[in-house]
Amino acid sequence: MTDSRVVTGISLAGLILFWWAAALLTADPTILPEPGALIAPFLRELASGDLLYHLGQTLVRVAWAFLLAMGLGLALGLAMGRSERLNRWLDPWLVVFLNLPALVLIVLCYLWIGLNETAAILAVTLNKVPNVTTVIREGARAVSPELDAMARVYRMSWWTRLTHVTLPQLAPFIAGAARSGVAVIWKIVLVVEFLGRSSGIGFKIHMYFQLFDVTMVLVYALSFIAIMLAVEWAILQPWERRVRRWRTA
């Protein structure tokens, strides 16, 4: 674990060094400012409260979309993986939504529902549900038939089979879907905010894009990236290692 953290730290330091060298070569802070040039604007936005407010707005949207996408994707994927007949009926729908561009769904939700929170969260959820469904469906297909037979022999209830037999086997697939889900969802949330919200990191990036202010675009973008990296390293990766442990024991 310690070695992994050291490698991660060195890797991030190398990325910052590469950024610093690129900024020196560019020699134009309006195109690419040095890493140190972001500290003062970051502290100013933090002190004013704007950064925390817009971070909070984006995090709320990410959380809602993540919970909805994981819940719907888990239910659909499990049902499709366990029922071949249902899979035949719903697989064409899944393929269509997997290949439907995120931008199209976002625009349609805004046109149909309006420029509001419901449309924003629904657009992000609909973009992620097909991916979660696909991962969980493959996991449901990989569930051990021997354990299923054991559950039937012992006449376990549907709920007991789900919680003690099926879900533990699906845990690695759920963890993988969750990790990829967070990474994709927050990027789509920024696009949703960029196009039609009046708050959030995407909104601020849109505003500073119109002002051609690269420094502030980087301040807001990197602030949220730092939050999502913290979630990834502190929550999702340890959880994934824990649920996969039984496969390597």
C-alpha atoms as a PDB file:
ATOM      1  CA  MET A   1       0.000   0.000   0.000  1.00  0.00           C
ATOM      2  CA  THR A   2       2.820   2.385   0.932  1.00  0.00           C
ATOM      3  CA  ASP A   3       4.679   1.615  -2.298  1.00  0.00           C
ATOM      4  CA  SER A   4       1.511   2.332  -4.267  1.00  0.00           C
ATOM      5  CA  ARG A   5       1.103   5.723  -2.595  1.00  0.00           C
ATOM      6  CA  VAL A   6       4.744   6.604  -3.269  1.00  0.00           C
ATOM      7  CA  VAL A   7       4.346   5.710  -6.942  1.00  0.00           C
ATOM      8  CA  THR A   8       1.137   7.753  -7.124  1.00  0.00           C
ATOM      9  CA  GLY A   9       2.846  10.762  -5.538  1.00  0.00           C
ATOM     10  CA  ILE A  10       5.831  10.543  -7.877  1.00  0.00           C
ATOM     11  CA  SER A  11       3.524  10.152 -10.880  1.00  0.00           C
ATOM     12  CA  LEU A  12       1.498  13.253  -9.940  1.00  0.00           C
ATOM     13  CA  ALA A  13       4.699  15.198  -9.299  1.00  0.00           C
ATOM     14  CA  GLY A  14       5.872  14.215 -12.782  1.00  0.00           C
ATOM     15  CA  LEU A  15       2.597  15.459 -14.243  1.00  0.00           C
ATOM     16  CA  ILE A  16       2.999  18.822 -12.483  1.00  0.00           C
ATOM     17  CA  LEU A  17       6.617  19.025 -13.679  1.00  0.00           C
ATOM     18  CA  PHE A  18       5.475  18.329 -17.241  1.00  0.00           C
ATOM     19  CA  TRP A  19       2.833  21.073 -16.916  1.00  0.00           C
ATOM     20  CA  TRP A  20       5.426  23.511 -15.580  1.00  0.00           C
ATOM     21  CA  ALA A  21       7.839  22.721 -18.472  1.00  0.00           C
ATOM     22  CA  ALA A  22       5.028  23.126 -21.027  1.00  0.00           C
ATOM     23  CA  ALA A  23       4.116  26.503 -19.496  1.00  0.00           C
ATOM     24  CA  LEU A  24       7.747  27.644 -19.731  1.00  0.00           C
ATOM     25  CA  LEU A  25       7.934  26.589 -23.368  1.00  0.00           C
ATOM     26  CA  THR A  26       4.657  28.328 -24.146  1.00  0.00           C
ATOM     27  CA  ALA A  27       5.857  31.478 -22.350  1.00  0.00           C
ATOM     28  CA  ASP A  28       2.333  32.906 -22.404  1.00  0.00           C
ATOM     29  CA  PRO A  29       0.229  32.725 -19.206  1.00  0.00           C
ATOM     30  CA  THR A  30      -2.924  33.547 -21.155  1.00  0.00           C
ATOM     31  CA  ILE A  31      -2.501  30.219 -22.966  1.00  0.00           C
ATOM     32  CA  LEU A  32      -1.027  28.006 -20.233  1.00  0.00           C
ATOM     33  CA  PRO A  33      -0.186  29.485 -16.815  1.00  0.00           C
ATOM     34  CA  GLU A  34       2.386  27.838 -14.540  1.00  0.00           C
ATOM     35  CA  PRO A  35       1.010  25.680 -11.700  1.00  0.00           C
ATOM     36  CA  GLY A  36       2.025  28.266  -9.104  1.00  0.00           C
ATOM     37  CA  ALA A  37       0.007  30.954 -10.881  1.00  0.00           C
ATOM     38  CA  LEU A  38      -3.201  29.163  -9.861  1.00  0.00           C
ATOM     39  CA  ILE A  39      -2.600  29.444  -6.107  1.00  0.00           C
ATOM     40  CA  ALA A  40      -3.621  33.109  -5.644  1.00  0.00           C
ATOM     41  CA  PRO A  41      -6.829  32.854  -7.750  1.00  0.00           C
ATOM     42  CA  PHE A  42      -7.719  29.601  -6.001  1.00  0.00           C
ATOM     43  CA  LEU A  43      -7.367  31.170  -2.541  1.00  0.00           C
ATOM     44  CA  ARG A  44      -9.343  34.213  -3.662  1.00  0.00           C
ATOM     45  CA  GLU A  45     -12.247  32.090  -4.939  1.00  0.00           C
ATOM     46  CA  LEU A  46     -12.092  29.952  -1.808  1.00  0.00           C
ATOM     47  CA  ALA A  47     -12.214  32.988   0.478  1.00  0.00           C
ATOM     48  CA  SER A  48     -15.145  34.516  -1.413  1.00  0.00           C
ATOM     49  CA  GLY A  49     -17.172  31.312  -1.049  1.00  0.00           C
ATOM     50  CA  ASP A  50     -17.819  31.019  -4.799  1.00  0.00           C
ATOM     51  CA  LEU A  51     -15.632  27.962  -5.225  1.00  0.00           C
ATOM     52  CA  LEU A  52     -17.228  26.014  -2.379  1.00  0.00           C
ATOM     53  CA  TYR A  53     -20.740  26.954  -3.527  1.00  0.00           C
ATOM     54  CA  HIS A  54     -20.241  25.809  -7.101  1.00  0.00           C
ATOM     55  CA  LEU A  55     -18.339  22.699  -6.003  1.00  0.00           C
ATOM     56  CA  GLY A  56     -21.272  21.835  -3.763  1.00  0.00           C
ATOM     57  CA  GLN A  57     -23.807  22.288  -6.552  1.00  0.00           C
ATOM     58  CA  THR A  58     -21.881  19.999  -8.876  1.00  0.00           C
ATOM     59  CA  LEU A  59     -21.325  17.381  -6.170  1.00  0.00           C
ATOM     60  CA  VAL A  60     -25.061  17.252  -5.420  1.00  0.00           C
ATOM     61  CA  ARG A  61     -25.834  16.625  -9.101  1.00  0.00           C
ATOM     62  CA  VAL A  62     -23.117  13.999  -9.347  1.00  0.00           C
ATOM     63  CA  ALA A  63     -24.428  12.231  -6.234  1.00  0.00           C
ATOM     64  CA  TRP A  64     -28.049  12.170  -7.437  1.00  0.00           C
ATOM     65  CA  ALA A  65     -27.136  10.983 -10.933  1.00  0.00           C
ATOM     66  CA  PHE A  66     -24.758   8.354  -9.531  1.00  0.00           C
ATOM     67  CA  LEU A  67     -27.311   6.895  -7.122  1.00  0.00           C
ATOM     68  CA  LEU A  68     -30.064   6.816  -9.747  1.00  0.00           C
ATOM     69  CA  ALA A  69     -27.836   5.362 -12.471  1.00  0.00           C
ATOM     70  CA  MET A  70     -26.414   2.678 -10.178  1.00  0.00           C
ATOM     71  CA  GLY A  71     -29.847   1.742  -8.829  1.00  0.00           C
ATOM     72  CA  LEU A  72     -31.539   1.498 -12.226  1.00  0.00           C
ATOM     73  CA  GLY A  73     -28.519  -0.106 -13.891  1.00  0.00           C
ATOM     74  CA  LEU A  74     -28.201  -2.711 -11.142  1.00  0.00           C
ATOM     75  CA  ALA A  75     -31.870  -3.681 -11.385  1.00  0.00           C
ATOM     76  CA  LEU A  76     -31.900  -3.827 -15.194  1.00  0.00           C
ATOM     77  CA  GLY A  77     -28.548  -5.590 -15.482  1.00  0.00           C
ATOM     78  CA  LEU A  78     -29.487  -8.214 -12.925  1.00  0.00           C
ATOM     79  CA  ALA A  79     -32.848  -8.844 -14.601  1.00  0.00           C
ATOM     80  CA  MET A  80     -31.331  -9.075 -18.097  1.00  0.00           C
ATOM     81  CA  GLY A  81     -28.488 -11.286 -16.947  1.00  0.00           C
ATOM     82  CA  ARG A  82     -30.820 -13.730 -15.206  1.00  0.00           C
ATOM     83  CA  SER A  83     -33.526 -13.845 -17.877  1.00  0.00           C
ATOM     84  CA  GLU A  84     -32.507 -14.597 -21.459  1.00  0.00           C
ATOM     85  CA  ARG A  85     -36.003 -13.799 -22.729  1.00  0.00           C
ATOM     86  CA  LEU A  86     -35.956 -10.337 -21.131  1.00  0.00           C
ATOM     87  CA  ASN A  87     -32.432  -9.796 -22.444  1.00  0.00           C
ATOM     88  CA  ARG A  88     -33.546 -10.497 -26.022  1.00  0.00           C
ATOM     89  CA  TRP A  89     -36.283  -7.890 -25.724  1.00  0.00           C
ATOM     90  CA  LEU A  90     -34.219  -5.169 -24.024  1.00  0.00           C
ATOM     91  CA  ASP A  91     -30.835  -5.691 -25.664  1.00  0.00           C
ATOM     92  CA  PRO A  92     -31.719  -3.577 -28.767  1.00  0.00           C
ATOM     93  CA  TRP A  93     -32.759  -0.731 -26.450  1.00  0.00           C
ATOM     94  CA  LEU A  94     -29.469  -1.089 -24.589  1.00  0.00           C
ATOM     95  CA  VAL A  95     -27.457  -0.932 -27.809  1.00  0.00           C
ATOM     96  CA  VAL A  96     -29.345   2.182 -28.953  1.00  0.00           C
ATOM     97  CA  PHE A  97     -28.754   4.050 -25.691  1.00  0.00           C
ATOM     98  CA  LEU A  98     -25.120   2.928 -25.515  1.00  0.00           C
ATOM     99  CA  ASN A  99     -24.495   4.511 -28.905  1.00  0.00           C
ATOM    100  CA  LEU A 100     -26.642   7.622 -28.424  1.00  0.00           C
ATOM    101  CA  PRO A 101     -24.297  10.592 -27.907  1.00  0.00           C
ATOM    102  CA  ALA A 102     -24.432  12.190 -24.475  1.00  0.00           C
ATOM    103  CA  LEU A 103     -24.883  15.623 -26.024  1.00  0.00           C
ATOM    104  CA  VAL A 104     -28.052  14.506 -27.819  1.00  0.00           C
ATOM    105  CA  LEU A 105     -29.651  13.229 -24.615  1.00  0.00           C
ATOM    106  CA  ILE A 106     -28.700  16.394 -22.750  1.00  0.00           C
ATOM    107  CA  VAL A 107     -30.193  18.667 -25.416  1.00  0.00           C
ATOM    108  CA  LEU A 108     -33.363  16.575 -25.684  1.00  0.00           C
ATOM    109  CA  CYS A 109     -33.913  16.578 -21.916  1.00  0.00           C
ATOM    110  CA  TYR A 110     -33.515  20.351 -21.824  1.00  0.00           C
ATOM    111  CA  LEU A 111     -35.894  20.781 -24.766  1.00  0.00           C
ATOM    112  CA  TRP A 112     -38.529  18.404 -23.389  1.00  0.00           C
ATOM    113  CA  ILE A 113     -38.372  19.191 -19.666  1.00  0.00           C
ATOM    114  CA  GLY A 114     -36.808  22.640 -19.538  1.00  0.00           C
ATOM    115  CA  LEU A 115     -33.615  24.174 -18.172  1.00  0.00           C
ATOM    116  CA  ASN A 116     -34.041  22.839 -14.655  1.00  0.00           C
ATOM    117  CA  GLU A 117     -32.478  20.431 -12.176  1.00  0.00           C
ATOM    118  CA  THR A 118     -34.779  17.561 -13.131  1.00  0.00           C
ATOM    119  CA  ALA A 119     -33.688  17.694 -16.761  1.00  0.00           C
ATOM    120  CA  ALA A 120     -30.017  18.015 -15.800  1.00  0.00           C
ATOM    121  CA  ILE A 121     -29.990  15.009 -13.468  1.00  0.00           C
ATOM    122  CA  LEU A 122     -32.185  12.909 -15.778  1.00  0.00           C
ATOM    123  CA  ALA A 123     -29.865  13.580 -18.729  1.00  0.00           C
ATOM    124  CA  VAL A 124     -26.815  12.427 -16.786  1.00  0.00           C
ATOM    125  CA  THR A 125     -28.633   9.387 -15.404  1.00  0.00           C
ATOM    126  CA  LEU A 126     -29.852   8.257 -18.825  1.00  0.00           C
ATOM    127  CA  ASN A 127     -26.336   8.569 -20.184  1.00  0.00           C
ATOM    128  CA  LYS A 128     -24.879   6.301 -17.509  1.00  0.00           C
ATOM    129  CA  VAL A 129     -27.592   3.667 -16.973  1.00  0.00           C
ATOM    130  CA  PRO A 130     -26.732   1.666 -20.156  1.00  0.00           C
ATOM    131  CA  ASN A 131     -23.071   1.326 -19.127  1.00  0.00           C
ATOM    132  CA  VAL A 132     -23.944   0.160 -15.627  1.00  0.00           C
ATOM    133  CA  THR A 133     -26.550  -2.238 -17.021  1.00  0.00           C
ATOM    134  CA  THR A 134     -24.018  -3.798 -19.396  1.00  0.00           C
ATOM    135  CA  VAL A 135     -21.445  -4.410 -16.661  1.00  0.00           C
ATOM    136  CA  ILE A 136     -23.987  -5.833 -14.194  1.00  0.00           C
ATOM    137  CA  ARG A 137     -25.574  -8.028 -16.874  1.00  0.00           C
ATOM    138  CA  GLU A 138     -22.235  -9.702 -17.542  1.00  0.00           C
ATOM    139  CA  GLY A 139     -21.757 -10.152 -13.817  1.00  0.00           C
ATOM    140  CA  ALA A 140     -25.198 -11.757 -13.465  1.00  0.00           C
ATOM    141  CA  ARG A 141     -24.321 -14.175 -16.243  1.00  0.00           C
ATOM    142  CA  ALA A 142     -21.163 -15.166 -14.359  1.00  0.00           C
ATOM    143  CA  VAL A 143     -23.007 -16.050 -11.134  1.00  0.00           C
ATOM    144  CA  SER A 144     -22.234 -19.615 -10.057  1.00  0.00           C
ATOM    145  CA  PRO A 145     -25.075 -22.023 -10.950  1.00  0.00           C
ATOM    146  CA  GLU A 146     -23.884 -24.336  -8.150  1.00  0.00           C
ATOM    147  CA  LEU A 147     -24.542 -21.650  -5.543  1.00  0.00           C
ATOM    148  CA  ASP A 148     -27.940 -20.986  -7.101  1.00  0.00           C
ATOM    149  CA  ALA A 149     -28.758 -24.695  -6.867  1.00  0.00           C
ATOM    150  CA  MET A 150     -27.669 -24.729  -3.226  1.00  0.00           C
ATOM    151  CA  ALA A 151     -29.950 -21.774  -2.491  1.00  0.00           C
ATOM    152  CA  ARG A 152     -32.897 -23.622  -4.050  1.00  0.00           C
ATOM    153  CA  VAL A 153     -32.131 -26.803  -2.124  1.00  0.00           C
ATOM    154  CA  TYR A 154     -32.185 -24.876   1.143  1.00  0.00           C
ATOM    155  CA  ARG A 155     -35.375 -23.109   0.003  1.00  0.00           C
ATOM    156  CA  MET A 156     -33.981 -19.645   0.562  1.00  0.00           C
ATOM    157  CA  SER A 157     -36.356 -16.763   0.009  1.00  0.00           C
ATOM    158  CA  TRP A 158     -35.886 -14.453  -2.960  1.00  0.00           C
ATOM    159  CA  TRP A 159     -34.505 -11.724  -0.706  1.00  0.00           C
ATOM    160  CA  THR A 160     -32.085 -14.079   1.073  1.00  0.00           C
ATOM    161  CA  ARG A 161     -30.770 -15.429  -2.237  1.00  0.00           C
ATOM    162  CA  LEU A 162     -30.279 -11.878  -3.508  1.00  0.00           C
ATOM    163  CA  THR A 163     -28.457 -10.556  -0.438  1.00  0.00           C
ATOM    164  CA  HIS A 164     -26.418 -13.648   0.518  1.00  0.00           C
ATOM    165  CA  VAL A 165     -25.800 -15.416  -2.792  1.00  0.00           C
ATOM    166  CA  THR A 166     -26.204 -13.122  -5.797  1.00  0.00           C
ATOM    167  CA  LEU A 167     -25.005  -9.697  -4.626  1.00  0.00           C
ATOM    168  CA  PRO A 168     -21.753 -10.962  -3.028  1.00  0.00           C
ATOM    169  CA  GLN A 169     -20.819 -12.517  -6.375  1.00  0.00           C
ATOM    170  CA  LEU A 170     -21.802  -9.325  -8.188  1.00  0.00           C
ATOM    171  CA  ALA A 171     -19.801  -7.105  -5.812  1.00  0.00           C
ATOM    172  CA  PRO A 172     -16.680  -6.861  -8.042  1.00  0.00           C
ATOM    173  CA  PHE A 173     -18.852  -5.925 -11.023  1.00  0.00           C
ATOM    174  CA  ILE A 174     -20.769  -3.365  -8.963  1.00  0.00           C
ATOM    175  CA  ALA A 175     -17.467  -1.888  -7.766  1.00  0.00           C
ATOM    176  CA  GLY A 176     -16.160  -1.667 -11.334  1.00  0.00           C
ATOM    177  CA  ALA A 177     -19.379  -0.043 -12.541  1.00  0.00           C
ATOM    178  CA  ALA A 178     -19.261   2.414  -9.640  1.00  0.00           C
ATOM    179  CA  ARG A 179     -15.663   3.452 -10.295  1.00  0.00           C
ATOM    180  CA  SER A 180     -16.214   3.976 -14.007  1.00  0.00           C
ATOM    181  CA  GLY A 181     -19.595   5.538 -13.237  1.00  0.00           C
ATOM    182  CA  VAL A 182     -18.180   8.300 -11.057  1.00  0.00           C
ATOM    183  CA  ALA A 183     -15.515   9.090 -13.656  1.00  0.00           C
ATOM    184  CA  VAL A 184     -18.047   9.375 -16.471  1.00  0.00           C
ATOM    185  CA  ILE A 185     -20.894  10.995 -14.536  1.00  0.00           C
ATOM    186  CA  TRP A 186     -18.984  14.010 -13.284  1.00  0.00           C
ATOM    187  CA  LYS A 187     -17.718  14.742 -16.802  1.00  0.00           C
ATOM    188  CA  ILE A 188     -21.267  14.618 -18.174  1.00  0.00           C
ATOM    189  CA  VAL A 189     -22.478  16.796 -15.293  1.00  0.00           C
ATOM    190  CA  LEU A 190     -19.977  19.467 -16.334  1.00  0.00           C
ATOM    191  CA  VAL A 191     -21.361  19.378 -19.892  1.00  0.00           C
ATOM    192  CA  VAL A 192     -24.920  19.649 -18.535  1.00  0.00           C
ATOM    193  CA  GLU A 193     -23.922  22.651 -16.430  1.00  0.00           C
ATOM    194  CA  PHE A 194     -21.989  24.183 -19.315  1.00  0.00           C
ATOM    195  CA  LEU A 195     -25.050  24.056 -21.548  1.00  0.00           C
ATOM    196  CA  GLY A 196     -27.924  24.954 -19.283  1.00  0.00           C
ATOM    197  CA  ARG A 197     -27.349  25.629 -15.590  1.00  0.00           C
ATOM    198  CA  SER A 198     -26.628  28.800 -13.641  1.00  0.00           C
ATOM    199  CA  SER A 199     -24.441  27.154 -11.016  1.00  0.00           C
ATOM    200  CA  GLY A 200     -21.784  24.482 -10.747  1.00  0.00           C
ATOM    201  CA  ILE A 201     -18.259  23.932 -12.023  1.00  0.00           C
ATOM    202  CA  GLY A 202     -19.440  23.575 -15.621  1.00  0.00           C
ATOM    203  CA  PHE A 203     -21.261  26.913 -15.411  1.00  0.00           C
ATOM    204  CA  LYS A 204     -18.127  28.657 -14.101  1.00  0.00           C
ATOM    205  CA  ILE A 205     -15.972  27.064 -16.794  1.00  0.00           C
ATOM    206  CA  HIS A 206     -18.453  28.303 -19.398  1.00  0.00           C
ATOM    207  CA  MET A 207     -18.318  31.806 -17.947  1.00  0.00           C
ATOM    208  CA  TYR A 208     -14.525  31.974 -17.922  1.00  0.00           C
ATOM    209  CA  PHE A 209     -14.374  30.366 -21.362  1.00  0.00           C
ATOM    210  CA  GLN A 210     -16.350  33.350 -22.668  1.00  0.00           C
ATOM    211  CA  LEU A 211     -13.823  35.639 -20.973  1.00  0.00           C
ATOM    212  CA  PHE A 212     -10.863  33.644 -22.385  1.00  0.00           C
ATOM    213  CA  ASP A 213      -9.545  33.276 -18.826  1.00  0.00           C
ATOM    214  CA  VAL A 214      -7.506  30.049 -18.917  1.00  0.00           C
ATOM    215  CA  THR A 215      -6.298  30.467 -15.338  1.00  0.00           C
ATOM    216  CA  MET A 216      -9.784  30.484 -13.834  1.00  0.00           C
ATOM    217  CA  VAL A 217     -10.913  27.628 -16.063  1.00  0.00           C
ATOM    218  CA  LEU A 218      -8.039  25.568 -14.656  1.00  0.00           C
ATOM    219  CA  VAL A 219      -8.749  26.666 -11.078  1.00  0.00           C
ATOM    220  CA  TYR A 220     -12.323  25.413 -11.190  1.00  0.00           C
ATOM    221  CA  ALA A 221     -11.591  22.310 -13.240  1.00  0.00           C
ATOM    222  CA  LEU A 222      -8.661  21.173 -11.099  1.00  0.00           C
ATOM    223  CA  SER A 223     -10.540  21.881  -7.865  1.00  0.00           C
ATOM    224  CA  PHE A 224     -13.248  19.433  -8.831  1.00  0.00           C
ATOM    225  CA  ILE A 225     -10.746  16.914 -10.208  1.00  0.00           C
ATOM    226  CA  ALA A 226      -9.024  16.992  -6.804  1.00  0.00           C
ATOM    227  CA  ILE A 227     -12.336  16.208  -5.080  1.00  0.00           C
ATOM    228  CA  MET A 228     -13.056  13.294  -7.415  1.00  0.00           C
ATOM    229  CA  LEU A 229      -9.521  11.909  -7.008  1.00  0.00           C
ATOM    230  CA  ALA A 230     -10.032  11.996  -3.253  1.00  0.00           C
ATOM    231  CA  VAL A 231     -13.297  10.063  -3.631  1.00  0.00           C
ATOM    232  CA  GLU A 232     -11.571   7.571  -5.929  1.00  0.00           C
ATOM    233  CA  TRP A 233      -8.582   6.945  -3.658  1.00  0.00           C
ATOM    234  CA  ALA A 234     -10.284   7.183  -0.275  1.00  0.00           C
ATOM    235  CA  ILE A 235     -13.557   5.366  -1.001  1.00  0.00           C
ATOM    236  CA  LEU A 236     -13.885   3.578  -4.339  1.00  0.00           C
ATOM    237  CA  GLN A 237     -10.477   1.916  -4.666  1.00  0.00           C
ATOM    238  CA  PRO A 238     -10.408   0.545  -1.078  1.00  0.00           C
ATOM    239  CA  TRP A 239     -13.976  -0.708  -1.500  1.00  0.00           C
ATOM    240  CA  GLU A 240     -13.112  -2.422  -4.785  1.00  0.00           C
ATOM    241  CA  ARG A 241     -10.054  -4.093  -3.244  1.00  0.00           C
ATOM    242  CA  ARG A 242     -12.183  -5.327  -0.340  1.00  0.00           C
ATOM    243  CA  VAL A 243     -14.954  -6.824  -2.491  1.00  0.00           C
ATOM    244  CA  ARG A 244     -12.432  -8.491  -4.803  1.00  0.00           C
ATOM    245  CA  ARG A 245     -10.425  -9.990  -1.950  1.00  0.00           C
ATOM    246  CA  TRP A 246     -12.357 -13.263  -1.872  1.00  0.00           C
ATOM    247  CA  ARG A 247     -11.400 -13.961  -5.508  1.00  0.00           C
ATOM    248  CA  THR A 248      -7.675 -13.810  -4.764  1.00  0.00           C
ATOM    249  CA  ALA A 249      -7.753 -15.459  -1.337  1.00  0.00           C
END
